Amino acid sequence: MNVSRREFMAAGGVLAASMLAPGRLLAALEKNATPMPALTKWSDVRAQFALAPDLLHFTSFFFASHPKPVRAAIEDFRRALDANPVLTVDHHMFESETANLQRRVREDMAPYMGCSADEIALTPNTTTGLALVYHGLSLSPGDEILTTTHDHYSHHESIRMATERAGVSWRRVPLYDRPAEASVAEIVERVRRAVKPETRAVGVTWVHSSTGVRLPIRAIADALAELNRNRDEERRVLLVVDGVHGFGCSEEAVADLGADFFCAGTHKWMFGPRGTGIVRAEARNWAKVRPIVPTFSEWESFEKWMADARPASPMNAARFTPGGFVGYDHQWAMGAAFRFHQQIGRARVAQRIRELNDQCKTGLAGIPGITVHTPKDPALSAGIVCFEVQGVAVDAVVKRLLEQKIVASASPYRDSYPRLAPSLVNNPQEVETALRAVRGIAGT
């Protein structure tokens, strides 16, 4: 079948057969691609984004603009797919392991995440990743999943649906009473006390988009590891992390956090293609879940199906990756976003975000009538600053900022606050402009 396809291309395909042959498309794209810019100055970083210049954008954590290298990668793959869709997908998804573009994407991600490419599953977004993990857990009557009162709709609903399907329970506990006064010791101790013998997984969010609190994931993982010393491997409490709001703005590598399952989208702080995400787990943890969606990313699953059999090898990240045709031009371009961040440097990105957010928090705290709900300690915050203007409704604050060409957001929770999230597309002058606008709204 492969020979006939290549004969077809030679007979009159839109793209040359040499370009579409396994391994050649990526080489051709890389040869013709615009080199990654130096990105030595923050103005150089900002210049990579095609954001509307008449607005100040403080919501990149929500749904990000693509920087130029990501836009270029998407366009390159789109052109290849538009020119010869079937053959491009066949050769780079289904015919050669060495030319598989999903494999290349994982290899681009691995250095940034500090793990092996074989530990990374590809998903469309954080929500899908969380749902796949929780529904994939082997749960028995009497088991429970523990989470927090601070987590988002997507996390809570993923747990609720999975536990209802399995006939088990779930609980929510608060990790702090007042976010601005949260401490590492309090958060870790509350998690430790909440775990019961029947707890099989603990689900937390790295950075709470409701308050801007960043959880000490490594410390939580270490506390659970102590509890797990008295448990058999099959009863070990698993730590599931929604990491999307820390992924791309924090210095810690994913592999160093200690999470058993780390779920995130890449279209927020990572500036990745829209509709792309990841789940990362070590091999021993992949063995603890079952796939929910048939995969297009593993040879064994297809070969066993052809032989009317089931896969014999342990569960792995590729088998966990949901199949079905997707926007391959976006999925294959994910690597460009990770190379973009690598070019800047993870520590340098984290320091810039920290500086801008410290400026924002300090400035807001100095305005009469403003309550800042995000912790001042940079160890407990990252990228999102939540505040309150006395006597002014949340939506009114966001609306009045937009009237002054400042794009802010409101946290979609029962207790909602206006949010400013200075990112790599901002600078100190823009933060000061936003602070002046808030002073005006507060009437000072």
Protein backbone atom coordinates (compact mmCIF):
# COMPACT_ATOMS: atom_id res chain seq x y z
CA MET A 1 0.00 0.00 0.00
CA ASN A 2 2.85 2.40 0.79
CA VAL A 3 4.43 1.82 -2.62
CA SER A 4 1.22 2.62 -4.46
CA ARG A 5 0.86 5.89 -2.57
CA ARG A 6 4.34 6.96 -3.54
CA GLU A 7 3.69 5.93 -7.12
CA PHE A 8 0.61 8.13 -7.01
CA MET A 9 2.66 11.08 -5.78
CA ALA A 10 5.25 10.59 -8.47
CA ALA A 11 2.48 10.53 -11.04
CA GLY A 12 1.19 13.99 -10.18
CA GLY A 13 0.89 14.87 -6.49
CA VAL A 14 0.84 18.57 -5.70
CA LEU A 15 3.97 18.26 -3.54
CA ALA A 16 7.07 16.41 -4.65
CA ALA A 17 7.39 12.81 -3.49
CA SER A 18 10.80 13.57 -2.06
CA MET A 19 9.27 16.07 0.33
CA LEU A 20 6.45 13.81 1.45
CA ALA A 21 8.56 10.69 1.94
CA PRO A 22 8.97 9.75 5.62
CA GLY A 23 11.41 12.10 7.36
CA ARG A 24 11.62 14.56 4.50
CA LEU A 25 8.74 16.91 5.28
CA LEU A 26 10.14 17.95 8.65
CA ALA A 27 13.62 18.41 7.22
CA ALA A 28 12.25 20.56 4.40
CA LEU A 29 10.19 22.68 6.79
CA GLU A 30 13.13 23.18 9.15
CA LYS A 31 15.43 24.13 6.29
CA ASN A 32 13.06 26.81 5.06
CA ALA A 33 11.80 27.99 8.45
CA THR A 34 12.67 31.41 9.82
CA PRO A 35 15.45 30.97 12.43
CA MET A 36 14.39 31.40 16.06
CA PRO A 37 15.00 35.06 16.98
CA ALA A 38 17.65 35.94 19.57
CA LEU A 39 15.05 37.16 22.13
CA THR A 40 17.76 38.80 24.23
CA LYS A 41 15.65 41.89 24.99
CA TRP A 42 12.08 41.91 26.27
CA SER A 43 11.14 44.28 23.47
CA ASP A 44 12.31 41.56 21.05
CA VAL A 45 9.98 39.09 22.76
CA ARG A 46 7.02 41.47 22.58
CA ALA A 47 7.70 42.08 18.89
CA GLN A 48 6.96 38.41 18.16
CA PHE A 49 3.24 38.90 18.93
CA ALA A 50 0.66 40.34 16.55
CA LEU A 51 -1.48 41.72 19.38
CA ALA A 52 -3.64 44.76 18.71
CA PRO A 53 -1.29 47.67 19.48
CA ASP A 54 -4.03 49.98 20.75
CA LEU A 55 -4.74 47.71 23.75
CA LEU A 56 -2.76 46.66 26.80
CA HIS A 57 -3.20 42.91 27.14
CA PHE A 58 -3.22 41.48 30.70
CA THR A 59 -5.00 38.19 29.93
CA SER A 60 -2.40 36.05 28.16
CA PHE A 61 -2.85 33.40 30.87
CA PHE A 62 -6.41 32.86 29.59
CA PHE A 63 -6.05 32.45 25.84
CA ALA A 64 -2.77 33.55 24.33
CA SER A 65 -1.65 35.10 21.09
CA HIS A 66 0.79 33.00 19.04
CA PRO A 67 4.33 34.40 18.75
CA LYS A 68 5.82 34.58 15.26
CA PRO A 69 7.72 31.23 15.37
CA VAL A 70 4.52 29.41 16.36
CA ARG A 71 2.47 31.19 13.68
CA ALA A 72 5.12 30.28 11.11
CA ALA A 73 5.19 26.62 12.15
CA ILE A 74 1.39 26.37 11.99
CA GLU A 75 1.40 27.95 8.53
CA ASP A 76 4.15 25.64 7.26
CA PHE A 77 2.26 22.53 8.33
CA ARG A 78 -1.03 23.98 7.08
CA ARG A 79 0.46 24.51 3.62
CA ALA A 80 1.78 20.96 3.53
CA LEU A 81 -1.60 19.57 4.59
CA ASP A 82 -3.54 21.73 2.15
CA ALA A 83 -1.27 20.72 -0.70
CA ASN A 84 -1.46 16.98 -0.03
CA PRO A 85 -3.52 16.16 3.09
CA VAL A 86 -3.83 12.37 2.90
CA LEU A 87 -0.24 11.60 2.04
CA THR A 88 1.17 14.10 4.52
CA VAL A 89 -0.85 12.59 7.38
CA ASP A 90 -0.19 9.00 6.29
CA HIS A 91 3.56 9.40 6.09
CA HIS A 92 3.96 11.41 9.28
CA MET A 93 1.43 9.68 11.52
CA PHE A 94 0.94 6.11 10.36
CA GLU A 95 3.84 4.79 8.30
CA SER A 96 7.13 5.41 10.10
CA GLU A 97 7.97 5.62 13.78
CA THR A 98 11.12 7.61 13.02
CA ALA A 99 9.23 10.16 10.88
CA ASN A 100 6.27 10.44 13.24
CA LEU A 101 5.64 14.12 13.91
CA GLN A 102 3.91 13.50 17.24
CA ARG A 103 7.13 11.87 18.37
CA ARG A 104 9.09 14.94 17.27
CA VAL A 105 6.74 17.21 19.21
CA ARG A 106 7.32 15.19 22.38
CA GLU A 107 11.07 15.39 21.83
CA ASP A 108 10.82 19.18 21.58
CA MET A 109 8.83 19.33 24.83
CA ALA A 110 10.95 16.95 26.89
CA PRO A 111 13.95 19.24 27.64
CA TYR A 112 11.71 22.05 28.86
CA MET A 113 9.66 19.68 31.02
CA GLY A 114 12.73 17.85 32.32
CA CYS A 115 11.47 14.40 31.40
CA SER A 116 11.59 11.74 28.70
CA ALA A 117 9.55 12.14 25.52
CA ASP A 118 7.99 8.75 26.31
CA GLU A 119 6.38 10.21 29.45
CA ILE A 120 4.29 12.79 27.56
CA ALA A 121 0.79 12.24 26.19
CA LEU A 122 -0.73 14.78 23.79
CA THR A 123 -4.24 16.11 24.45
CA PRO A 124 -6.39 18.99 23.14
CA ASN A 125 -6.44 20.90 26.45
CA THR A 126 -6.27 20.68 30.25
CA THR A 127 -9.93 19.72 30.64
CA THR A 128 -9.54 16.68 28.39
CA GLY A 129 -6.37 15.63 30.17
CA LEU A 130 -8.00 15.78 33.60
CA ALA A 131 -11.05 13.86 32.42
CA LEU A 132 -8.92 11.15 30.81
CA VAL A 133 -6.83 10.70 33.96
CA TYR A 134 -9.72 10.53 36.43
CA HIS A 135 -11.87 8.28 34.23
CA GLY A 136 -8.82 6.10 33.60
CA LEU A 137 -8.14 5.37 37.27
CA SER A 138 -9.01 1.91 38.57
CA LEU A 139 -11.38 2.73 41.43
CA SER A 140 -13.23 0.28 43.67
CA PRO A 141 -16.23 0.66 46.01
CA GLY A 142 -15.10 2.47 49.15
CA ASP A 143 -12.43 4.50 47.37
CA GLU A 144 -12.51 8.28 47.24
CA ILE A 145 -10.84 11.16 45.42
CA LEU A 146 -9.84 14.21 47.46
CA THR A 147 -9.70 17.70 45.95
CA THR A 148 -9.98 21.30 47.13
CA THR A 149 -12.66 23.96 47.30
CA HIS A 150 -10.41 26.23 45.24
CA ASP A 151 -10.36 24.19 42.04
CA HIS A 152 -12.00 25.15 38.77
CA TYR A 153 -15.20 23.83 37.21
CA SER A 154 -13.27 21.59 34.80
CA HIS A 155 -11.36 19.89 37.61
CA HIS A 156 -14.36 19.42 39.90
CA GLU A 157 -16.58 18.13 37.11
CA SER A 158 -13.93 15.70 35.85
CA ILE A 159 -13.75 14.21 39.33
CA ARG A 160 -17.51 14.19 39.87
CA MET A 161 -18.25 12.45 36.58
CA ALA A 162 -15.50 9.86 37.11
CA THR A 163 -16.50 9.04 40.68
CA GLU A 164 -20.20 8.79 39.81
CA ARG A 165 -19.37 6.41 36.97
CA ALA A 166 -17.19 4.27 39.27
CA GLY A 167 -19.61 4.41 42.19
CA VAL A 168 -17.10 5.98 44.59
CA SER A 169 -17.02 9.24 46.56
CA TRP A 170 -15.15 12.52 46.42
CA ARG A 171 -14.51 15.34 48.90
CA ARG A 172 -13.49 19.00 48.74
CA VAL A 173 -11.43 20.68 51.46
CA PRO A 174 -10.13 24.26 51.79
CA LEU A 175 -6.36 24.69 51.90
CA TYR A 176 -6.48 28.23 53.28
CA ASP A 177 -9.10 30.61 54.64
CA ARG A 178 -7.75 33.90 53.28
CA PRO A 179 -5.64 33.58 50.15
CA ALA A 180 -3.44 36.61 50.83
CA GLU A 181 -2.42 35.03 54.16
CA ALA A 182 -1.85 31.48 52.90
CA SER A 183 1.37 29.72 53.89
CA VAL A 184 3.22 26.66 52.66
CA ALA A 185 3.03 24.99 56.07
CA GLU A 186 -0.73 25.51 56.37
CA ILE A 187 -1.46 24.25 52.86
CA VAL A 188 0.65 21.11 53.22
CA GLU A 189 -0.72 20.29 56.66
CA ARG A 190 -4.32 20.64 55.48
CA VAL A 191 -3.66 18.21 52.64
CA ARG A 192 -1.96 15.78 55.00
CA ARG A 193 -4.84 15.87 57.51
CA ALA A 194 -7.48 15.46 54.80
CA VAL A 195 -6.08 12.21 53.38
CA LYS A 196 -7.93 9.13 54.65
CA PRO A 197 -7.19 5.41 54.25
CA GLU A 198 -9.74 5.28 51.40
CA THR A 199 -8.19 8.21 49.50
CA ARG A 200 -6.81 7.02 46.15
CA ALA A 201 -5.97 10.35 44.51
CA VAL A 202 -5.52 13.99 45.48
CA GLY A 203 -6.40 16.53 42.81
CA VAL A 204 -5.02 20.07 43.10
CA THR A 205 -4.35 23.06 40.85
CA TRP A 206 -0.86 24.53 40.68
CA VAL A 207 -1.98 28.17 40.37
CA HIS A 208 -5.54 29.07 41.34
CA SER A 209 -7.09 31.33 38.74
CA SER A 210 -9.64 32.38 41.37
CA THR A 211 -7.10 34.04 43.67
CA GLY A 212 -3.65 33.78 42.10
CA VAL A 213 -2.42 31.45 44.87
CA ARG A 214 0.34 29.10 43.70
CA LEU A 215 0.39 25.83 45.61
CA PRO A 216 3.69 24.32 46.80
CA ILE A 217 3.30 21.19 44.66
CA ARG A 218 6.71 19.74 45.54
CA ALA A 219 5.99 20.04 49.28
CA ILE A 220 2.54 18.46 48.82
CA ALA A 221 4.11 15.62 46.81
CA ASP A 222 6.69 15.05 49.56
CA ALA A 223 3.96 14.93 52.22
CA LEU A 224 2.00 12.36 50.21
CA ALA A 225 5.19 10.34 49.71
CA GLU A 226 5.51 10.06 53.50
CA LEU A 227 1.92 8.81 53.77
CA ASN A 228 2.50 6.35 50.93
CA ARG A 229 5.39 4.68 52.74
CA ASN A 230 2.79 2.80 54.76
CA ARG A 231 0.75 1.79 51.70
CA ASP A 232 1.11 -0.95 49.14
CA GLU A 233 1.94 0.22 45.63
CA GLU A 234 -1.56 -0.47 44.33
CA ARG A 235 -3.03 1.68 47.15
CA ARG A 236 -0.58 4.55 46.78
CA VAL A 237 -2.25 7.99 46.84
CA LEU A 238 -1.74 9.62 43.45
CA LEU A 239 -1.21 13.36 43.06
CA VAL A 240 -3.05 14.77 40.03
CA VAL A 241 -2.16 18.37 39.15
CA ASP A 242 -3.96 20.84 36.93
CA GLY A 243 -0.82 22.78 36.03
CA VAL A 244 -1.97 25.04 33.24
CA HIS A 245 -1.64 28.38 35.06
CA GLY A 246 1.90 27.64 36.24
CA PHE A 247 3.07 25.97 33.04
CA GLY A 248 5.13 28.53 31.15
CA CYS A 249 5.49 31.18 33.88
CA SER A 250 7.29 29.23 36.63
CA GLU A 251 10.89 28.19 36.98
CA GLU A 252 10.25 24.64 38.17
CA ALA A 253 10.46 21.89 35.56
CA VAL A 254 7.36 19.68 35.45
CA ALA A 255 9.37 16.57 36.28
CA ASP A 256 10.71 18.21 39.46
CA LEU A 257 7.28 18.93 40.93
CA GLY A 258 6.63 15.35 42.04
CA ALA A 259 3.15 15.12 40.51
CA ASP A 260 2.04 11.64 39.49
CA PHE A 261 -0.08 13.12 36.68
CA PHE A 262 0.49 16.66 35.42
CA CYS A 263 -2.20 18.00 33.08
CA ALA A 264 -1.96 21.28 31.17
CA GLY A 265 -2.92 23.06 28.01
CA THR A 266 -0.17 24.76 26.03
CA HIS A 267 -2.26 27.63 24.64
CA LYS A 268 -1.95 29.84 27.72
CA TRP A 269 1.40 30.87 29.28
CA MET A 270 3.29 28.57 26.89
CA PHE A 271 1.92 30.52 23.86
CA GLY A 272 1.37 27.20 22.11
CA PRO A 273 -1.06 26.42 19.28
CA ARG A 274 -4.70 26.63 20.29
CA GLY A 275 -6.34 23.31 21.03
CA THR A 276 -3.19 21.60 22.32
CA GLY A 277 -2.21 20.17 25.69
CA ILE A 278 -0.24 17.51 27.54
CA VAL A 279 -0.38 14.96 30.34
CA ARG A 280 2.93 13.92 31.84
CA ALA A 281 3.48 10.86 34.02
CA GLU A 282 6.24 8.38 34.76
CA ALA A 283 5.99 4.83 33.44
CA ARG A 284 4.88 3.39 36.81
CA ASN A 285 1.97 5.85 36.87
CA TRP A 286 0.91 5.29 33.27
CA ALA A 287 0.52 1.65 34.29
CA LYS A 288 -2.17 2.74 36.79
CA VAL A 289 -4.65 4.15 34.26
CA ARG A 290 -6.66 2.75 31.39
CA PRO A 291 -7.25 4.57 28.10
CA ILE A 292 -10.70 6.01 27.46
CA VAL A 293 -10.33 6.99 23.78
CA PRO A 294 -8.75 4.76 21.10
CA THR A 295 -5.32 6.08 20.17
CA PHE A 296 -3.77 6.88 16.79
CA SER A 297 -0.36 7.28 18.41
CA GLU A 298 0.82 3.75 19.19
CA TRP A 299 1.64 0.95 16.75
CA GLU A 300 0.88 -1.91 19.15
CA SER A 301 -2.74 -0.91 19.71
CA PHE A 302 -3.47 -0.99 15.99
CA GLU A 303 -1.49 -4.14 15.31
CA LYS A 304 -3.25 -6.02 18.13
CA TRP A 305 -6.62 -4.86 16.82
CA MET A 306 -5.70 -6.20 13.39
CA ALA A 307 -4.89 -9.53 15.04
CA ASP A 308 -8.12 -9.43 17.08
CA ALA A 309 -6.12 -9.18 20.31
CA ARG A 310 -5.42 -6.67 23.08
CA PRO A 311 -2.13 -4.84 23.74
CA ALA A 312 0.17 -6.93 25.89
CA SER A 313 2.65 -4.25 27.00
CA PRO A 314 2.04 -1.94 29.97
CA MET A 315 -0.01 1.20 29.51
CA ASN A 316 2.01 4.13 28.20
CA ALA A 317 1.73 7.81 27.23
CA ALA A 318 1.28 7.12 23.52
CA ARG A 319 -1.62 4.74 24.15
CA PHE A 320 -3.17 7.32 26.48
CA THR A 321 -3.04 10.01 23.75
CA PRO A 322 -6.60 10.24 22.36
CA GLY A 323 -6.97 9.39 18.70
CA GLY A 324 -9.24 10.68 15.99
CA PHE A 325 -8.15 13.21 13.41
CA VAL A 326 -7.24 16.57 14.93
CA GLY A 327 -5.88 19.90 13.71
CA TYR A 328 -2.47 18.47 12.86
CA ASP A 329 -1.14 21.83 11.70
CA HIS A 330 -1.61 23.03 15.30
CA GLN A 331 -0.57 19.82 17.05
CA TRP A 332 2.62 19.40 15.04
CA ALA A 333 3.54 23.05 15.66
CA MET A 334 3.54 22.60 19.45
CA GLY A 335 7.29 22.10 19.43
CA ALA A 336 7.84 25.65 18.21
CA ALA A 337 6.28 27.07 21.39
CA PHE A 338 8.59 25.00 23.58
CA ARG A 339 11.63 25.98 21.52
CA PHE A 340 10.51 29.61 21.87
CA HIS A 341 10.49 29.29 25.67
CA GLN A 342 13.77 27.41 25.65
CA GLN A 343 15.30 30.23 23.62
CA ILE A 344 14.30 32.76 26.29
CA GLY A 345 15.10 30.47 29.21
CA ARG A 346 12.70 29.09 31.82
CA ALA A 347 14.42 30.88 34.74
CA ARG A 348 14.53 34.17 32.85
CA VAL A 349 10.83 33.92 31.99
CA ALA A 350 9.92 33.18 35.62
CA GLN A 351 11.99 36.11 36.89
CA ARG A 352 10.34 38.53 34.43
CA ILE A 353 6.85 37.37 35.39
CA ARG A 354 7.74 37.63 39.06
CA GLU A 355 9.08 41.19 38.68
CA LEU A 356 6.02 42.42 36.80
CA ASN A 357 3.63 40.75 39.22
CA ASP A 358 5.48 42.09 42.26
CA GLN A 359 5.17 45.56 40.74
CA CYS A 360 1.45 45.00 40.15
CA LYS A 361 0.73 43.61 43.63
CA THR A 362 2.74 46.29 45.41
CA GLY A 363 1.11 49.05 43.38
CA LEU A 364 -2.41 47.76 44.00
CA ALA A 365 -1.77 47.30 47.72
CA GLY A 366 -0.84 50.97 47.96
CA ILE A 367 -4.18 52.20 46.59
CA PRO A 368 -6.81 53.08 49.22
CA GLY A 369 -9.96 51.02 48.80
CA ILE A 370 -8.14 48.12 47.08
CA THR A 371 -7.85 44.65 48.62
CA VAL A 372 -5.27 42.36 47.01
CA HIS A 373 -6.24 38.70 47.41
CA THR A 374 -3.10 37.20 45.86
CA PRO A 375 -0.26 36.41 48.30
CA LYS A 376 2.62 38.87 48.29
CA ASP A 377 5.14 36.04 48.67
CA PRO A 378 6.34 35.12 45.15
CA ALA A 379 6.69 31.50 46.31
CA LEU A 380 2.90 31.41 46.66
CA SER A 381 1.91 33.34 43.55
CA ALA A 382 2.69 33.26 39.85
CA GLY A 383 1.36 35.43 37.07
CA ILE A 384 -2.20 36.20 38.20
CA VAL A 385 -3.09 39.09 40.51
CA CYS A 386 -6.63 39.12 41.94
CA PHE A 387 -7.91 42.22 43.70
CA GLU A 388 -11.09 43.96 44.79
CA VAL A 389 -12.20 47.58 44.47
CA GLN A 390 -14.34 48.66 47.41
CA GLY A 391 -17.82 49.65 46.28
CA VAL A 392 -17.29 48.74 42.60
CA ALA A 393 -18.69 45.52 41.08
CA VAL A 394 -16.25 43.09 39.49
CA ASP A 395 -17.71 43.37 35.99
CA ALA A 396 -17.75 47.16 36.30
CA VAL A 397 -14.02 47.18 37.08
CA VAL A 398 -13.24 45.05 34.02
CA LYS A 399 -15.52 47.18 31.83
CA ARG A 400 -14.01 50.46 32.98
CA LEU A 401 -10.49 49.16 32.41
CA LEU A 402 -11.46 48.12 28.88
CA GLU A 403 -12.83 51.62 28.26
CA GLN A 404 -9.26 52.75 28.93
CA LYS A 405 -7.87 50.17 26.46
CA ILE A 406 -6.73 47.76 29.20
CA VAL A 407 -7.83 44.13 28.78
CA ALA A 408 -8.38 42.54 32.19
CA SER A 409 -10.63 39.64 33.25
CA ALA A 410 -12.90 38.43 36.04
CA SER A 411 -12.40 35.12 37.82
CA PRO A 412 -15.38 32.82 37.01
CA TYR A 413 -16.02 31.54 40.53
CA ARG A 414 -18.67 32.06 43.22
CA ASP A 415 -16.32 34.61 44.79
CA SER A 416 -15.20 36.58 41.76
CA TYR A 417 -12.45 39.21 41.53
CA PRO A 418 -10.95 41.38 38.80
CA ARG A 419 -7.64 39.98 37.53
CA LEU A 420 -4.53 41.49 35.98
CA ALA A 421 -1.91 39.03 34.74
CA PRO A 422 1.28 40.75 33.55
CA SER A 423 3.11 38.46 31.14
CA LEU A 424 5.92 38.51 28.59
CA VAL A 425 3.84 40.72 26.30
CA ASN A 426 3.85 43.48 28.95
CA ASN A 427 6.45 45.84 30.40
CA PRO A 428 6.76 47.93 33.60
CA GLN A 429 5.33 51.02 31.89
CA GLU A 430 2.18 49.11 30.94
CA VAL A 431 1.80 47.84 34.50
CA GLU A 432 2.00 51.44 35.74
CA THR A 433 -0.65 52.46 33.21
CA ALA A 434 -2.96 49.73 34.51
CA LEU A 435 -2.31 50.82 38.10
CA ARG A 436 -3.19 54.43 37.27
CA ALA A 437 -6.42 53.23 35.74
CA VAL A 438 -7.32 51.23 38.86
CA ARG A 439 -6.55 54.28 41.02
CA GLY A 440 -9.04 56.23 38.97
CA ILE A 441 -11.69 53.52 39.35
CA ALA A 442 -11.07 53.45 43.10
CA GLY A 443 -11.55 57.24 43.17
CA THR A 444 -8.08 58.09 44.43
